[in-house]
Amino acid sequence: MKTCVLIPTYNESRMIGELLSEVKNSGHDIVVVDDGSSDNTGKIAHENGAAVIMHKENMGKGASLKSGFAHALVNGYEAVIIMDGDGQHSPKDIERFVKSAKITGADLIIGNRMENPKAMPFIRWATNKCLSHVISKISGQYIPDTQCGFRLIKRRLLEKIILVTSKFETESEMLIRAGRKNFRIHSIPIKSIYNNEVSTIHPLKDAFRFIRLIFKINAEERREKS
């Protein structure tokens, strides 16, 4: 299964070189999307052998994912593994995603940090617990950790799902659309590394974006049925 590792980044020059040196050991092609960084993230990624997609300005994680997906489809990849560029995800888990995809036949494999959430900051745990419950209900499939960015997505799913958001809610949008279209979603336990980074969670803003996303998806489905 021809697979690439997609890493969306924004000002990750401190971590990206070390991360890429480890990811290269997986043997998969690497695609880095530099989302308008003001540092040398893109330059360092290029020097480490990654294919680099540059955004002239910061457009959001969802926009970075969509740029990476488009690149993967054009270049014939059968699957895309997404991992964060801040060192939170272990490259050693990459092959576990590939193996799980082959064994289960699932279209989307997502990491699950909730089996051992001791190191997870409380606000992140609480938000994740709530959103995972809601998204599982809406998508029609049980997903214990919907906010985990470490994922494997197969080509046939990418070809069928049209994403309309461009920020962090894009990850939730993909799960909801995939679940409602009966693509199979499977979870595997992973550990995450938290380096005392400042949380990017904004409860009110994120809640508003999520509610808007649900209304948008429901409206689309009503139009399709009418």
N, C-alpha and C. Protein backbone atom coordinates (compact mmCIF):
# COMPACT_ATOMS: atom_id res chain seq x y z
N MET A 1 0.85 -1.19 0.00
CA MET A 1 0.00 0.00 0.00
C MET A 1 0.89 1.25 0.00
N LYS A 2 0.89 1.96 -1.12
CA LYS A 2 1.71 3.17 -1.24
C LYS A 2 1.17 4.25 -0.30
N THR A 3 1.98 4.63 0.67
CA THR A 3 1.53 5.52 1.74
C THR A 3 2.49 6.68 1.92
N CYS A 4 1.94 7.86 2.20
CA CYS A 4 2.78 9.00 2.57
C CYS A 4 2.40 9.47 3.97
N VAL A 5 3.34 10.09 4.63
CA VAL A 5 3.11 10.69 5.95
C VAL A 5 2.94 12.18 5.75
N LEU A 6 1.77 12.69 6.13
CA LEU A 6 1.44 14.11 5.96
C LEU A 6 1.56 14.82 7.30
N ILE A 7 2.36 15.88 7.33
CA ILE A 7 2.59 16.62 8.57
C ILE A 7 2.23 18.09 8.35
N PRO A 8 1.07 18.54 8.85
CA PRO A 8 0.73 19.97 8.78
C PRO A 8 1.52 20.73 9.85
N THR A 9 2.11 21.85 9.48
CA THR A 9 2.96 22.58 10.43
C THR A 9 2.68 24.08 10.40
N TYR A 10 3.01 24.69 11.53
CA TYR A 10 3.00 26.15 11.63
C TYR A 10 4.01 26.55 12.70
N ASN A 11 5.10 27.16 12.28
CA ASN A 11 6.17 27.58 13.19
C ASN A 11 6.67 26.43 14.07
N GLU A 12 7.10 25.36 13.42
CA GLU A 12 7.60 24.18 14.14
C GLU A 12 9.09 23.96 13.89
N SER A 13 9.85 25.02 13.66
CA SER A 13 11.26 24.86 13.33
C SER A 13 12.05 24.20 14.46
N ARG A 14 11.58 24.34 15.69
CA ARG A 14 12.29 23.77 16.83
C ARG A 14 12.22 22.24 16.84
N MET A 15 11.11 21.69 16.35
CA MET A 15 10.86 20.25 16.45
C MET A 15 10.95 19.50 15.12
N ILE A 16 10.72 20.20 14.00
CA ILE A 16 10.47 19.49 12.75
C ILE A 16 11.66 18.67 12.25
N GLY A 17 12.88 19.17 12.43
CA GLY A 17 14.06 18.44 11.96
C GLY A 17 14.21 17.09 12.65
N GLU A 18 14.13 17.10 13.97
CA GLU A 18 14.25 15.86 14.75
C GLU A 18 13.12 14.90 14.41
N LEU A 19 11.90 15.44 14.28
CA LEU A 19 10.75 14.60 13.95
C LEU A 19 10.94 13.91 12.60
N LEU A 20 11.35 14.68 11.59
CA LEU A 20 11.51 14.11 10.25
C LEU A 20 12.61 13.06 10.19
N SER A 21 13.67 13.26 10.97
CA SER A 21 14.74 12.26 10.97
C SER A 21 14.24 10.92 11.49
N GLU A 22 13.25 10.94 12.39
CA GLU A 22 12.65 9.71 12.90
C GLU A 22 11.62 9.15 11.93
N VAL A 23 10.82 10.03 11.34
CA VAL A 23 9.78 9.58 10.41
C VAL A 23 10.40 8.90 9.19
N LYS A 24 11.56 9.37 8.76
CA LYS A 24 12.23 8.79 7.58
C LYS A 24 12.52 7.30 7.77
N ASN A 25 12.68 6.88 9.02
CA ASN A 25 12.96 5.47 9.30
C ASN A 25 11.78 4.56 8.93
N SER A 26 10.59 5.15 8.77
CA SER A 26 9.42 4.35 8.40
C SER A 26 9.48 3.91 6.94
N GLY A 27 10.29 4.60 6.14
CA GLY A 27 10.42 4.26 4.73
C GLY A 27 9.35 4.86 3.84
N HIS A 28 8.42 5.62 4.42
CA HIS A 28 7.35 6.23 3.64
C HIS A 28 7.75 7.63 3.17
N ASP A 29 7.19 8.07 2.05
CA ASP A 29 7.39 9.44 1.61
C ASP A 29 6.79 10.40 2.64
N ILE A 30 7.36 11.58 2.74
CA ILE A 30 6.91 12.56 3.72
C ILE A 30 6.47 13.83 3.00
N VAL A 31 5.31 14.34 3.38
CA VAL A 31 4.79 15.58 2.84
C VAL A 31 4.56 16.54 4.00
N VAL A 32 5.21 17.68 3.97
CA VAL A 32 5.04 18.71 5.00
C VAL A 32 4.32 19.90 4.40
N VAL A 33 3.26 20.34 5.05
CA VAL A 33 2.57 21.57 4.64
C VAL A 33 2.95 22.66 5.63
N ASP A 34 3.64 23.68 5.15
CA ASP A 34 4.02 24.83 5.97
C ASP A 34 2.94 25.88 5.82
N ASP A 35 2.15 26.07 6.87
CA ASP A 35 0.97 26.93 6.79
C ASP A 35 1.31 28.38 7.13
N GLY A 36 2.16 28.99 6.30
CA GLY A 36 2.49 30.40 6.48
C GLY A 36 3.39 30.69 7.66
N SER A 37 4.30 29.78 7.98
CA SER A 37 5.19 29.97 9.13
C SER A 37 6.07 31.20 8.95
N SER A 38 6.40 31.83 10.08
CA SER A 38 7.31 32.98 10.06
C SER A 38 8.74 32.55 10.39
N ASP A 39 8.94 31.25 10.63
CA ASP A 39 10.28 30.74 10.92
C ASP A 39 10.77 29.88 9.73
N ASN A 40 11.74 29.02 9.98
CA ASN A 40 12.34 28.22 8.91
C ASN A 40 11.77 26.81 8.80
N THR A 41 10.53 26.61 9.22
CA THR A 41 9.94 25.27 9.19
C THR A 41 10.04 24.63 7.81
N GLY A 42 9.59 25.34 6.78
CA GLY A 42 9.60 24.78 5.43
C GLY A 42 11.00 24.48 4.93
N LYS A 43 11.94 25.36 5.21
CA LYS A 43 13.33 25.17 4.78
C LYS A 43 13.94 23.93 5.43
N ILE A 44 13.71 23.77 6.72
CA ILE A 44 14.25 22.62 7.44
C ILE A 44 13.62 21.33 6.92
N ALA A 45 12.32 21.37 6.66
CA ALA A 45 11.62 20.19 6.14
C ALA A 45 12.20 19.78 4.79
N HIS A 46 12.44 20.76 3.93
CA HIS A 46 13.02 20.49 2.60
C HIS A 46 14.41 19.88 2.74
N GLU A 47 15.21 20.41 3.64
CA GLU A 47 16.57 19.91 3.85
C GLU A 47 16.57 18.48 4.37
N ASN A 48 15.46 18.09 5.00
CA ASN A 48 15.35 16.73 5.54
C ASN A 48 14.63 15.78 4.59
N GLY A 49 14.48 16.19 3.34
CA GLY A 49 13.99 15.28 2.31
C GLY A 49 12.49 15.21 2.13
N ALA A 50 11.74 16.09 2.80
CA ALA A 50 10.29 16.07 2.66
C ALA A 50 9.86 16.86 1.43
N ALA A 51 8.75 16.44 0.83
CA ALA A 51 8.09 17.28 -0.17
C ALA A 51 7.37 18.37 0.61
N VAL A 52 7.60 19.62 0.27
CA VAL A 52 7.06 20.73 1.06
C VAL A 52 6.05 21.53 0.24
N ILE A 53 4.88 21.72 0.82
CA ILE A 53 3.84 22.57 0.24
C ILE A 53 3.79 23.84 1.08
N MET A 54 3.98 24.99 0.45
CA MET A 54 4.03 26.26 1.18
C MET A 54 2.72 27.04 1.02
N HIS A 55 2.14 27.46 2.14
CA HIS A 55 1.05 28.42 2.12
C HIS A 55 1.64 29.80 2.37
N LYS A 56 1.26 30.78 1.59
CA LYS A 56 1.81 32.12 1.74
C LYS A 56 1.36 32.78 3.04
N GLU A 57 0.20 32.37 3.54
CA GLU A 57 -0.29 32.91 4.81
C GLU A 57 -0.92 31.79 5.62
N ASN A 58 -1.11 32.04 6.91
CA ASN A 58 -1.70 31.03 7.78
C ASN A 58 -3.18 30.87 7.47
N MET A 59 -3.55 29.68 7.00
CA MET A 59 -4.92 29.42 6.56
C MET A 59 -5.68 28.47 7.48
N GLY A 60 -4.98 27.80 8.37
CA GLY A 60 -5.63 26.88 9.29
C GLY A 60 -5.24 25.44 9.04
N LYS A 61 -5.38 24.61 10.08
CA LYS A 61 -4.98 23.21 9.96
C LYS A 61 -5.79 22.48 8.90
N GLY A 62 -7.08 22.77 8.83
CA GLY A 62 -7.92 22.11 7.83
C GLY A 62 -7.46 22.40 6.42
N ALA A 63 -7.08 23.65 6.17
CA ALA A 63 -6.57 24.02 4.84
C ALA A 63 -5.28 23.27 4.53
N SER A 64 -4.44 23.10 5.55
CA SER A 64 -3.19 22.35 5.36
C SER A 64 -3.49 20.89 5.02
N LEU A 65 -4.45 20.31 5.73
CA LEU A 65 -4.82 18.92 5.45
C LEU A 65 -5.33 18.77 4.02
N LYS A 66 -6.18 19.70 3.60
CA LYS A 66 -6.74 19.60 2.25
C LYS A 66 -5.66 19.76 1.18
N SER A 67 -4.68 20.62 1.42
CA SER A 67 -3.56 20.75 0.48
C SER A 67 -2.78 19.44 0.40
N GLY A 68 -2.56 18.83 1.56
CA GLY A 68 -1.84 17.56 1.61
C GLY A 68 -2.61 16.43 0.95
N PHE A 69 -3.92 16.38 1.18
CA PHE A 69 -4.75 15.34 0.56
C PHE A 69 -4.72 15.46 -0.97
N ALA A 70 -4.82 16.69 -1.46
CA ALA A 70 -4.79 16.91 -2.91
C ALA A 70 -3.47 16.41 -3.50
N HIS A 71 -2.37 16.70 -2.81
CA HIS A 71 -1.05 16.23 -3.25
C HIS A 71 -1.01 14.70 -3.29
N ALA A 72 -1.56 14.08 -2.25
CA ALA A 72 -1.54 12.61 -2.17
C ALA A 72 -2.35 11.98 -3.30
N LEU A 73 -3.50 12.55 -3.60
CA LEU A 73 -4.35 12.00 -4.66
C LEU A 73 -3.69 12.14 -6.03
N VAL A 74 -3.11 13.31 -6.28
CA VAL A 74 -2.45 13.55 -7.58
C VAL A 74 -1.26 12.61 -7.78
N ASN A 75 -0.59 12.28 -6.67
CA ASN A 75 0.63 11.46 -6.77
C ASN A 75 0.39 9.97 -6.53
N GLY A 76 -0.86 9.56 -6.53
CA GLY A 76 -1.18 8.13 -6.53
C GLY A 76 -1.02 7.38 -5.24
N TYR A 77 -1.02 8.07 -4.11
CA TYR A 77 -0.91 7.37 -2.83
C TYR A 77 -2.22 6.67 -2.49
N GLU A 78 -2.11 5.47 -1.93
CA GLU A 78 -3.29 4.69 -1.55
C GLU A 78 -3.76 5.01 -0.14
N ALA A 79 -2.89 5.62 0.65
CA ALA A 79 -3.25 6.00 2.01
C ALA A 79 -2.38 7.16 2.47
N VAL A 80 -2.92 7.93 3.41
CA VAL A 80 -2.20 9.06 3.99
C VAL A 80 -2.20 8.89 5.51
N ILE A 81 -1.03 8.99 6.11
CA ILE A 81 -0.93 9.00 7.56
C ILE A 81 -0.69 10.44 8.00
N ILE A 82 -1.54 10.94 8.87
CA ILE A 82 -1.41 12.31 9.36
C ILE A 82 -0.83 12.28 10.77
N MET A 83 0.17 13.10 11.01
CA MET A 83 0.68 13.26 12.37
C MET A 83 1.06 14.71 12.59
N ASP A 84 1.01 15.15 13.85
CA ASP A 84 1.30 16.54 14.18
C ASP A 84 2.80 16.82 14.08
N GLY A 85 3.14 18.08 13.85
CA GLY A 85 4.53 18.46 13.68
C GLY A 85 5.21 18.94 14.94
N ASP A 86 4.51 18.84 16.09
CA ASP A 86 5.07 19.35 17.34
C ASP A 86 5.72 18.28 18.20
N GLY A 87 5.87 17.06 17.67
CA GLY A 87 6.50 16.00 18.43
C GLY A 87 5.58 15.26 19.37
N GLN A 88 4.28 15.56 19.31
CA GLN A 88 3.32 14.92 20.21
C GLN A 88 3.10 13.45 19.87
N HIS A 89 3.24 13.10 18.59
CA HIS A 89 3.00 11.73 18.13
C HIS A 89 4.32 11.01 17.87
N SER A 90 4.36 9.74 18.23
CA SER A 90 5.59 8.96 18.07
C SER A 90 5.66 8.32 16.68
N PRO A 91 6.72 8.58 15.93
CA PRO A 91 6.88 7.94 14.62
C PRO A 91 6.92 6.42 14.70
N LYS A 92 7.24 5.89 15.88
CA LYS A 92 7.27 4.44 16.05
C LYS A 92 5.90 3.81 15.87
N ASP A 93 4.84 4.63 15.99
CA ASP A 93 3.47 4.11 15.84
C ASP A 93 3.01 4.05 14.38
N ILE A 94 3.78 4.62 13.47
CA ILE A 94 3.35 4.69 12.07
C ILE A 94 3.01 3.31 11.52
N GLU A 95 3.89 2.35 11.72
CA GLU A 95 3.65 1.01 11.15
C GLU A 95 2.48 0.31 11.82
N ARG A 96 2.14 0.70 13.05
CA ARG A 96 0.97 0.12 13.71
C ARG A 96 -0.31 0.55 12.99
N PHE A 97 -0.32 1.79 12.49
CA PHE A 97 -1.47 2.27 11.71
C PHE A 97 -1.59 1.49 10.40
N VAL A 98 -0.46 1.31 9.72
CA VAL A 98 -0.47 0.59 8.45
C VAL A 98 -0.93 -0.85 8.65
N LYS A 99 -0.41 -1.49 9.68
CA LYS A 99 -0.77 -2.88 9.97
C LYS A 99 -2.26 -3.00 10.30
N SER A 100 -2.77 -2.06 11.10
CA SER A 100 -4.18 -2.08 11.48
C SER A 100 -5.08 -1.90 10.27
N ALA A 101 -4.68 -1.02 9.35
CA ALA A 101 -5.47 -0.79 8.14
C ALA A 101 -5.55 -2.06 7.29
N LYS A 102 -4.44 -2.79 7.22
CA LYS A 102 -4.41 -4.02 6.43
C LYS A 102 -5.23 -5.12 7.08
N ILE A 103 -5.14 -5.24 8.41
CA ILE A 103 -5.82 -6.32 9.12
C ILE A 103 -7.32 -6.09 9.20
N THR A 104 -7.71 -4.85 9.54
CA THR A 104 -9.14 -4.56 9.78
C THR A 104 -9.90 -4.22 8.50
N GLY A 105 -9.18 -3.71 7.50
CA GLY A 105 -9.84 -3.26 6.28
C GLY A 105 -10.57 -1.94 6.45
N ALA A 106 -10.38 -1.28 7.60
CA ALA A 106 -11.05 -0.01 7.87
C ALA A 106 -10.53 1.07 6.92
N ASP A 107 -11.38 2.05 6.66
CA ASP A 107 -11.02 3.15 5.76
C ASP A 107 -10.31 4.28 6.48
N LEU A 108 -10.51 4.37 7.79
CA LEU A 108 -9.88 5.41 8.58
C LEU A 108 -9.45 4.80 9.92
N ILE A 109 -8.18 4.89 10.22
CA ILE A 109 -7.65 4.43 11.51
C ILE A 109 -7.28 5.67 12.30
N ILE A 110 -7.77 5.77 13.53
CA ILE A 110 -7.50 6.95 14.36
C ILE A 110 -6.91 6.53 15.70
N GLY A 111 -5.94 7.30 16.17
CA GLY A 111 -5.33 7.02 17.45
C GLY A 111 -6.29 7.26 18.61
N ASN A 112 -6.09 6.52 19.68
CA ASN A 112 -6.91 6.65 20.89
C ASN A 112 -6.00 6.86 22.09
N ARG A 113 -5.99 8.09 22.62
CA ARG A 113 -5.18 8.42 23.79
C ARG A 113 -5.95 8.22 25.09
N MET A 114 -7.24 7.91 25.00
CA MET A 114 -8.11 7.92 26.17
C MET A 114 -8.00 6.66 27.02
N GLU A 115 -7.29 5.64 26.53
CA GLU A 115 -7.08 4.45 27.36
C GLU A 115 -6.10 4.73 28.48
N ASN A 116 -5.21 5.69 28.26
CA ASN A 116 -4.24 6.06 29.29
C ASN A 116 -4.01 7.57 29.24
N PRO A 117 -5.01 8.35 29.72
CA PRO A 117 -4.96 9.81 29.54
C PRO A 117 -4.27 10.57 30.67
N LYS A 118 -3.46 9.89 31.49
CA LYS A 118 -2.90 10.52 32.69
C LYS A 118 -2.09 11.78 32.37
N ALA A 119 -1.35 11.77 31.28
CA ALA A 119 -0.50 12.92 30.96
C ALA A 119 -1.26 14.03 30.23
N MET A 120 -2.50 13.77 29.85
CA MET A 120 -3.28 14.74 29.08
C MET A 120 -3.75 15.89 29.96
N PRO A 121 -3.51 17.15 29.56
CA PRO A 121 -4.02 18.30 30.33
C PRO A 121 -5.54 18.19 30.53
N PHE A 122 -6.02 18.61 31.70
CA PHE A 122 -7.43 18.39 32.05
C PHE A 122 -8.39 19.02 31.05
N ILE A 123 -8.14 20.26 30.62
CA ILE A 123 -9.06 20.93 29.70
C ILE A 123 -9.15 20.15 28.39
N ARG A 124 -8.03 19.59 27.96
CA ARG A 124 -8.03 18.79 26.73
C ARG A 124 -8.81 17.49 26.94
N TRP A 125 -8.62 16.86 28.10
CA TRP A 125 -9.33 15.61 28.39
C TRP A 125 -10.84 15.84 28.43
N ALA A 126 -11.26 16.91 29.14
CA ALA A 126 -12.69 17.18 29.29
C ALA A 126 -13.34 17.52 27.95
N THR A 127 -12.68 18.38 27.18
CA THR A 127 -13.21 18.74 25.86
C THR A 127 -13.30 17.53 24.95
N ASN A 128 -12.25 16.72 24.98
CA ASN A 128 -12.19 15.53 24.14
C ASN A 128 -13.30 14.54 24.51
N LYS A 129 -13.49 14.34 25.80
CA LYS A 129 -14.51 13.40 26.27
C LYS A 129 -15.90 13.81 25.78
N CYS A 130 -16.19 15.08 25.90
CA CYS A 130 -17.50 15.60 25.49
C CYS A 130 -17.68 15.50 23.97
N LEU A 131 -16.70 15.99 23.23
CA LEU A 131 -16.82 15.99 21.77
C LEU A 131 -16.84 14.57 21.20
N SER A 132 -16.07 13.67 21.80
CA SER A 132 -16.05 12.29 21.31
C SER A 132 -17.42 11.64 21.47
N HIS A 133 -18.09 11.94 22.57
CA HIS A 133 -19.44 11.40 22.79
C HIS A 133 -20.40 11.94 21.73
N VAL A 134 -20.36 13.25 21.51
CA VAL A 134 -21.28 13.88 20.56
C VAL A 134 -21.00 13.41 19.13
N ILE A 135 -19.73 13.42 18.73
CA ILE A 135 -19.38 13.04 17.36
C ILE A 135 -19.66 11.56 17.10
N SER A 136 -19.46 10.72 18.10
CA SER A 136 -19.81 9.31 17.94
C SER A 136 -21.29 9.15 17.65
N LYS A 137 -22.12 9.91 18.36
CA LYS A 137 -23.57 9.85 18.14
C LYS A 137 -23.93 10.34 16.74
N ILE A 138 -23.34 11.46 16.36
CA ILE A 138 -23.68 12.07 15.07
C ILE A 138 -23.19 11.24 13.89
N SER A 139 -22.00 10.66 14.04
CA SER A 139 -21.41 9.89 12.94
C SER A 139 -21.98 8.49 12.83
N GLY A 140 -22.57 8.00 13.92
CA GLY A 140 -23.12 6.65 13.91
C GLY A 140 -22.09 5.57 14.18
N GLN A 141 -20.87 5.97 14.58
CA GLN A 141 -19.83 5.00 14.92
C GLN A 141 -19.15 5.42 16.21
N TYR A 142 -18.79 4.45 17.05
CA TYR A 142 -18.14 4.77 18.31
C TYR A 142 -16.67 5.12 18.06
N ILE A 143 -16.29 6.33 18.45
CA ILE A 143 -14.92 6.81 18.28
C ILE A 143 -14.48 7.38 19.63
N PRO A 144 -13.65 6.67 20.39
CA PRO A 144 -13.31 7.09 21.75
C PRO A 144 -12.48 8.36 21.85
N ASP A 145 -11.75 8.71 20.78
CA ASP A 145 -10.87 9.89 20.83
C ASP A 145 -10.95 10.63 19.50
N THR A 146 -12.01 11.40 19.33
CA THR A 146 -12.25 12.07 18.04
C THR A 146 -11.29 13.22 17.78
N GLN A 147 -10.61 13.70 18.83
CA GLN A 147 -9.75 14.87 18.66
C GLN A 147 -8.28 14.50 18.43
N CYS A 148 -8.01 13.22 18.28
CA CYS A 148 -6.64 12.80 18.00
C CYS A 148 -6.30 13.06 16.54
N GLY A 149 -5.18 13.73 16.30
CA GLY A 149 -4.79 14.07 14.94
C GLY A 149 -3.97 13.01 14.24
N PHE A 150 -3.58 11.97 14.96
CA PHE A 150 -2.77 10.88 14.39
C PHE A 150 -3.72 9.89 13.72
N ARG A 151 -3.69 9.83 12.39
CA ARG A 151 -4.68 9.04 11.65
C ARG A 151 -4.09 8.45 10.37
N LEU A 152 -4.71 7.39 9.90
CA LEU A 152 -4.46 6.88 8.55
C LEU A 152 -5.78 6.94 7.80
N ILE A 153 -5.75 7.50 6.60
CA ILE A 153 -6.95 7.64 5.79
C ILE A 153 -6.69 7.05 4.41
N LYS A 154 -7.55 6.16 3.98
CA LYS A 154 -7.36 5.52 2.68
C LYS A 154 -7.87 6.40 1.54
N ARG A 155 -7.32 6.14 0.38
CA ARG A 155 -7.60 6.95 -0.80
C ARG A 155 -9.09 6.99 -1.14
N ARG A 156 -9.77 5.84 -1.06
CA ARG A 156 -11.17 5.80 -1.47
C ARG A 156 -12.04 6.72 -0.61
N LEU A 157 -11.65 6.93 0.64
CA LEU A 157 -12.38 7.87 1.49
C LEU A 157 -12.10 9.30 1.05
N LEU A 158 -10.83 9.61 0.80
CA LEU A 158 -10.47 10.96 0.37
C LEU A 158 -11.16 11.34 -0.93
N GLU A 159 -11.37 10.36 -1.79
CA GLU A 159 -12.00 10.63 -3.08
C GLU A 159 -13.50 10.91 -2.95
N LYS A 160 -14.11 10.43 -1.88
CA LYS A 160 -15.56 10.54 -1.72
C LYS A 160 -16.01 11.66 -0.77
N ILE A 161 -15.11 12.12 0.08
CA ILE A 161 -15.47 13.12 1.09
C ILE A 161 -15.06 14.52 0.63
N ILE A 162 -16.00 15.44 0.63
CA ILE A 162 -15.70 16.84 0.31
C ILE A 162 -15.72 17.64 1.61
N LEU A 163 -14.58 18.18 1.98
CA LEU A 163 -14.44 18.94 3.22
C LEU A 163 -14.64 20.43 2.95
N VAL A 164 -15.44 21.09 3.79
CA VAL A 164 -15.76 22.49 3.54
C VAL A 164 -15.18 23.44 4.59
N THR A 165 -14.61 22.89 5.67
CA THR A 165 -14.04 23.73 6.71
C THR A 165 -12.53 23.86 6.50
N SER A 166 -11.89 24.78 7.25
CA SER A 166 -10.46 25.00 7.03
C SER A 166 -9.66 25.15 8.32
N LYS A 167 -10.31 25.06 9.46
CA LYS A 167 -9.61 25.22 10.73
C LYS A 167 -9.50 23.86 11.43
N PHE A 168 -9.42 23.87 12.77
CA PHE A 168 -9.27 22.62 13.51
C PHE A 168 -10.50 21.72 13.41
N GLU A 169 -11.67 22.30 13.12
CA GLU A 169 -12.89 21.49 13.06
C GLU A 169 -12.90 20.55 11.86
N THR A 170 -11.97 20.73 10.93
CA THR A 170 -11.90 19.85 9.76
C THR A 170 -11.72 18.39 10.17
N GLU A 171 -10.96 18.16 11.23
CA GLU A 171 -10.73 16.78 11.69
C GLU A 171 -12.04 16.14 12.15
N SER A 172 -12.88 16.92 12.83
CA SER A 172 -14.20 16.41 13.25
C SER A 172 -15.11 16.23 12.04
N GLU A 173 -15.04 17.18 11.11
CA GLU A 173 -15.86 17.09 9.91
C GLU A 173 -15.59 15.79 9.15
N MET A 174 -14.33 15.43 9.04
CA MET A 174 -14.00 14.21 8.31
C MET A 174 -14.61 12.98 8.97
N LEU A 175 -14.56 12.91 10.30
CA LEU A 175 -15.12 11.76 11.00
C LEU A 175 -16.63 11.68 10.81
N ILE A 176 -17.30 12.82 10.91
CA ILE A 176 -18.76 12.84 10.76
C ILE A 176 -19.16 12.42 9.35
N ARG A 177 -18.51 13.01 8.36
CA ARG A 177 -18.86 12.69 6.97
C ARG A 177 -18.52 11.22 6.65
N ALA A 178 -17.38 10.75 7.14
CA ALA A 178 -16.99 9.36 6.88
C ALA A 178 -17.98 8.39 7.53
N GLY A 179 -18.34 8.67 8.78
CA GLY A 179 -19.27 7.80 9.48
C GLY A 179 -20.64 7.76 8.82
N ARG A 180 -21.13 8.92 8.42
CA ARG A 180 -22.46 9.00 7.80
C ARG A 180 -22.51 8.37 6.41
N LYS A 181 -21.34 8.28 5.77
CA LYS A 181 -21.29 7.62 4.46
C LYS A 181 -20.89 6.15 4.59
N ASN A 182 -20.91 5.67 5.84
CA ASN A 182 -20.66 4.25 6.14
C ASN A 182 -19.24 3.77 5.83
N PHE A 183 -18.28 4.70 5.84
CA PHE A 183 -16.89 4.27 5.82
C PHE A 183 -16.55 3.75 7.22
N ARG A 184 -15.78 2.70 7.27
CA ARG A 184 -15.47 2.09 8.56
C ARG A 184 -14.34 2.82 9.26
N ILE A 185 -14.56 3.16 10.53
CA ILE A 185 -13.57 3.86 11.35
C ILE A 185 -13.12 2.93 12.47
N HIS A 186 -11.82 2.80 12.64
CA HIS A 186 -11.25 1.91 13.66
C HIS A 186 -10.24 2.69 14.50
N SER A 187 -10.18 2.41 15.79
CA SER A 187 -9.26 3.10 16.70
C SER A 187 -8.17 2.16 17.19
N ILE A 188 -6.97 2.70 17.39
CA ILE A 188 -5.89 1.94 18.02
C ILE A 188 -5.29 2.79 19.14
N PRO A 189 -4.91 2.18 20.26
CA PRO A 189 -4.35 2.95 21.38
C PRO A 189 -2.97 3.50 21.04
N ILE A 190 -2.74 4.74 21.41
CA ILE A 190 -1.42 5.36 21.24
C ILE A 190 -1.10 6.16 22.49
N LYS A 191 0.16 6.50 22.64
CA LYS A 191 0.58 7.41 23.69
C LYS A 191 0.97 8.74 23.04
N SER A 192 0.68 9.83 23.74
CA SER A 192 1.08 11.14 23.23
C SER A 192 2.07 11.78 24.18
N ILE A 193 2.92 12.64 23.64
CA ILE A 193 3.94 13.33 24.42
C ILE A 193 3.54 14.78 24.54
N TYR A 194 3.33 15.24 25.78
CA TYR A 194 2.94 16.63 26.02
C TYR A 194 4.14 17.37 26.61
N ASN A 195 4.56 18.43 25.92
CA ASN A 195 5.76 19.17 26.32
C ASN A 195 5.44 20.50 26.97
N ASN A 196 4.38 20.51 27.79
CA ASN A 196 3.95 21.73 28.47
C ASN A 196 3.66 22.86 27.50
N GLU A 197 3.16 22.48 26.30
CA GLU A 197 2.83 23.50 25.31
C GLU A 197 1.57 24.24 25.73
N VAL A 198 1.43 25.47 25.24
CA VAL A 198 0.24 26.25 25.53
C VAL A 198 -0.93 25.67 24.76
N SER A 199 -2.04 25.43 25.44
CA SER A 199 -3.20 24.83 24.78
C SER A 199 -3.78 25.77 23.74
N THR A 200 -4.15 25.20 22.60
CA THR A 200 -4.79 25.98 21.54
C THR A 200 -6.30 25.82 21.56
N ILE A 201 -6.82 25.20 22.62
CA ILE A 201 -8.25 24.99 22.74
C ILE A 201 -8.93 26.28 23.19
N HIS A 202 -9.96 26.71 22.46
CA HIS A 202 -10.76 27.88 22.80
C HIS A 202 -12.21 27.41 22.89
N PRO A 203 -12.67 27.03 24.10
CA PRO A 203 -13.97 26.37 24.25
C PRO A 203 -15.13 27.06 23.54
N LEU A 204 -15.30 28.37 23.71
CA LEU A 204 -16.45 29.05 23.12
C LEU A 204 -16.33 29.12 21.59
N LYS A 205 -15.17 29.53 21.10
CA LYS A 205 -14.96 29.63 19.66
C LYS A 205 -15.08 28.25 19.00
N ASP A 206 -14.46 27.24 19.62
CA ASP A 206 -14.51 25.89 19.05
C ASP A 206 -15.92 25.32 19.08
N ALA A 207 -16.66 25.61 20.15
CA ALA A 207 -18.05 25.14 20.25
C ALA A 207 -18.90 25.77 19.15
N PHE A 208 -18.70 27.06 18.90
CA PHE A 208 -19.45 27.74 17.85
C PHE A 208 -19.15 27.13 16.48
N ARG A 209 -17.87 26.89 16.20
CA ARG A 209 -17.49 26.30 14.92
C ARG A 209 -18.09 24.91 14.76
N PHE A 210 -18.10 24.16 15.85
CA PHE A 210 -18.63 22.80 15.80
C PHE A 210 -20.14 22.81 15.53
N ILE A 211 -20.86 23.67 16.23
CA ILE A 211 -22.31 23.77 16.02
C ILE A 211 -22.61 24.20 14.58
N ARG A 212 -21.84 25.16 14.08
CA ARG A 212 -22.02 25.63 12.70
C ARG A 212 -21.76 24.49 11.72
N LEU A 213 -20.75 23.67 12.01
CA LEU A 213 -20.44 22.53 11.16
C LEU A 213 -21.61 21.54 11.11
N ILE A 214 -22.20 21.25 12.25
CA ILE A 214 -23.32 20.29 12.30
C ILE A 214 -24.50 20.81 11.50
N PHE A 215 -24.82 22.09 11.67
CA PHE A 215 -25.92 22.68 10.90
C PHE A 215 -25.64 22.58 9.39
N LYS A 216 -24.40 22.83 9.01
CA LYS A 216 -24.02 22.80 7.59
C LYS A 216 -24.17 21.40 7.01
N ILE A 217 -23.70 20.39 7.74
CA ILE A 217 -23.79 19.01 7.26
C ILE A 217 -25.24 18.56 7.19
N ASN A 218 -26.04 18.90 8.21
CA ASN A 218 -27.46 18.53 8.20
C ASN A 218 -28.20 19.18 7.04
N ALA A 219 -27.87 20.46 6.77
CA ALA A 219 -28.52 21.17 5.66
C ALA A 219 -28.18 20.51 4.33
N GLU A 220 -26.92 20.12 4.16
CA GLU A 220 -26.50 19.45 2.93
C GLU A 220 -27.26 18.14 2.73
N GLU A 221 -27.40 17.38 3.81
CA GLU A 221 -28.08 16.09 3.70
C GLU A 221 -29.56 16.26 3.39
N ARG A 222 -30.17 17.31 3.94
CA ARG A 222 -31.58 17.57 3.62
C ARG A 222 -31.74 17.92 2.15
N ARG A 223 -30.79 18.72 1.61
CA ARG A 223 -30.86 19.09 0.19
C ARG A 223 -30.69 17.86 -0.70
N GLU A 224 -29.80 16.95 -0.29
CA GLU A 224 -29.55 15.74 -1.09
C GLU A 224 -30.78 14.84 -1.13
N LYS A 225 -31.56 14.84 -0.04
CA LYS A 225 -32.74 13.97 0.05
C LYS A 225 -33.96 14.58 -0.65
N SER A 226 -33.96 15.92 -0.79
CA SER A 226 -35.14 16.59 -1.37
C SER A 226 -35.14 16.52 -2.90
